[in-house]
Amino acid sequence: MEKQYKITSAEGLHARPCTLLVSAVTPFASDVQISYNERSVNLKSIMGVMALGIPSGATITISAEGADAEAALEKAATVITSEGIGIEA
């Protein structure tokens, strides 16, 4: 399962939104990945997500695989939209 988002936050995916996303998906058992520019990292790793250097206007893909994949994607979607990080692409 996967969903795409356009980052609308003026600062892009900097420390605060990265922390919010990592914290949101960490409780889930599923493998959750974030992809940008043909690179993919574990969304449960703050350093991995920060290393992607995702700017404002970028399109990212969040994918999940596992027993609670749908719930993990829904939680990530809620954080992205409610915190003003981005919109569904």
Protein backbone atom coordinates (compact mmCIF):
# COMPACT_ATOMS: atom_id res chain seq x y z
CA MET A 1 0.00 0.00 0.00
CA GLU A 2 1.21 3.49 -0.74
CA LYS A 3 0.12 7.12 -0.98
CA GLN A 4 1.72 10.18 -2.51
CA TYR A 5 1.87 13.66 -0.99
CA LYS A 6 3.05 17.07 -2.11
CA ILE A 7 5.02 18.89 0.59
CA THR A 8 3.46 22.32 1.14
CA SER A 9 5.36 23.40 4.26
CA ALA A 10 7.58 26.36 3.31
CA GLU A 11 10.58 24.77 5.05
CA GLY A 12 10.06 21.34 3.50
CA LEU A 13 10.47 18.25 5.66
CA HIS A 14 12.77 19.68 8.33
CA ALA A 15 13.33 18.42 11.90
CA ARG A 16 9.90 19.16 13.42
CA PRO A 17 7.71 17.53 10.74
CA CYS A 18 10.14 14.63 10.44
CA THR A 19 9.87 14.03 14.18
CA LEU A 20 6.07 14.16 14.02
CA LEU A 21 5.96 11.61 11.20
CA VAL A 22 8.50 9.26 12.79
CA SER A 23 6.65 9.39 16.13
CA ALA A 24 3.32 8.73 14.41
CA VAL A 25 4.37 5.54 12.61
CA THR A 26 6.85 4.05 15.11
CA PRO A 27 4.14 2.22 17.15
CA PHE A 28 3.04 0.23 14.10
CA ALA A 29 4.45 -3.23 13.38
CA SER A 30 4.42 -2.69 9.61
CA ASP A 31 7.47 -1.70 7.61
CA VAL A 32 6.86 1.96 6.65
CA GLN A 33 9.02 3.64 4.00
CA ILE A 34 9.27 7.18 2.66
CA SER A 35 10.54 7.72 -0.88
CA TYR A 36 11.82 10.84 -2.63
CA ASN A 37 14.01 11.24 -5.72
CA GLU A 38 14.26 7.47 -6.26
CA ARG A 39 15.61 7.00 -2.70
CA SER A 40 13.68 5.18 -0.01
CA VAL A 41 14.31 5.05 3.74
CA ASN A 42 12.61 3.65 6.83
CA LEU A 43 10.08 6.25 8.05
CA LYS A 44 10.81 5.11 11.61
CA SER A 45 14.35 6.53 11.33
CA ILE A 46 14.60 10.29 11.93
CA MET A 47 18.15 10.39 10.56
CA GLY A 48 17.14 8.50 7.44
CA VAL A 49 14.22 10.82 6.73
CA MET A 50 16.32 13.95 7.37
CA ALA A 51 19.02 12.64 5.02
CA LEU A 52 16.56 12.72 2.11
CA GLY A 53 16.56 16.55 2.23
CA ILE A 54 12.94 16.89 1.10
CA PRO A 55 12.18 20.50 0.05
CA SER A 56 8.88 22.35 -0.22
CA GLY A 57 7.03 21.42 -3.41
CA ALA A 58 8.49 17.89 -3.48
CA THR A 59 6.32 14.84 -4.09
CA ILE A 60 6.94 11.99 -1.68
CA THR A 61 5.59 8.46 -1.47
CA ILE A 62 4.81 6.74 1.81
CA SER A 63 4.40 3.00 1.63
CA ALA A 64 3.62 0.38 4.24
CA GLU A 65 3.73 -3.38 4.28
CA GLY A 66 2.50 -5.59 7.10
CA ALA A 67 -0.47 -6.48 9.27
CA ASP A 68 -1.33 -2.88 10.22
CA ALA A 69 -0.15 -1.20 7.00
CA GLU A 70 -3.47 0.51 6.33
CA ALA A 71 -3.62 2.00 9.83
CA ALA A 72 0.01 3.17 9.58
CA LEU A 73 -0.70 4.95 6.27
CA GLU A 74 -3.84 6.55 7.70
CA LYS A 75 -1.89 7.84 10.71
CA ALA A 76 0.84 9.29 8.46
CA ALA A 77 -1.84 10.93 6.29
CA THR A 78 -3.48 12.50 9.34
CA VAL A 79 -0.19 13.96 10.55
CA ILE A 80 0.78 15.28 7.10
CA THR A 81 -2.53 17.05 6.51
CA SER A 82 -3.39 18.20 10.05
CA GLU A 83 0.09 19.62 10.73
CA GLY A 84 0.24 21.53 7.44
CA ILE A 85 3.14 19.45 6.13
CA GLY A 86 1.54 18.56 2.82
CA ILE A 87 -1.47 17.50 0.81
CA GLU A 88 -2.42 14.28 -0.91
CA ALA A 89 -1.02 14.29 -4.45
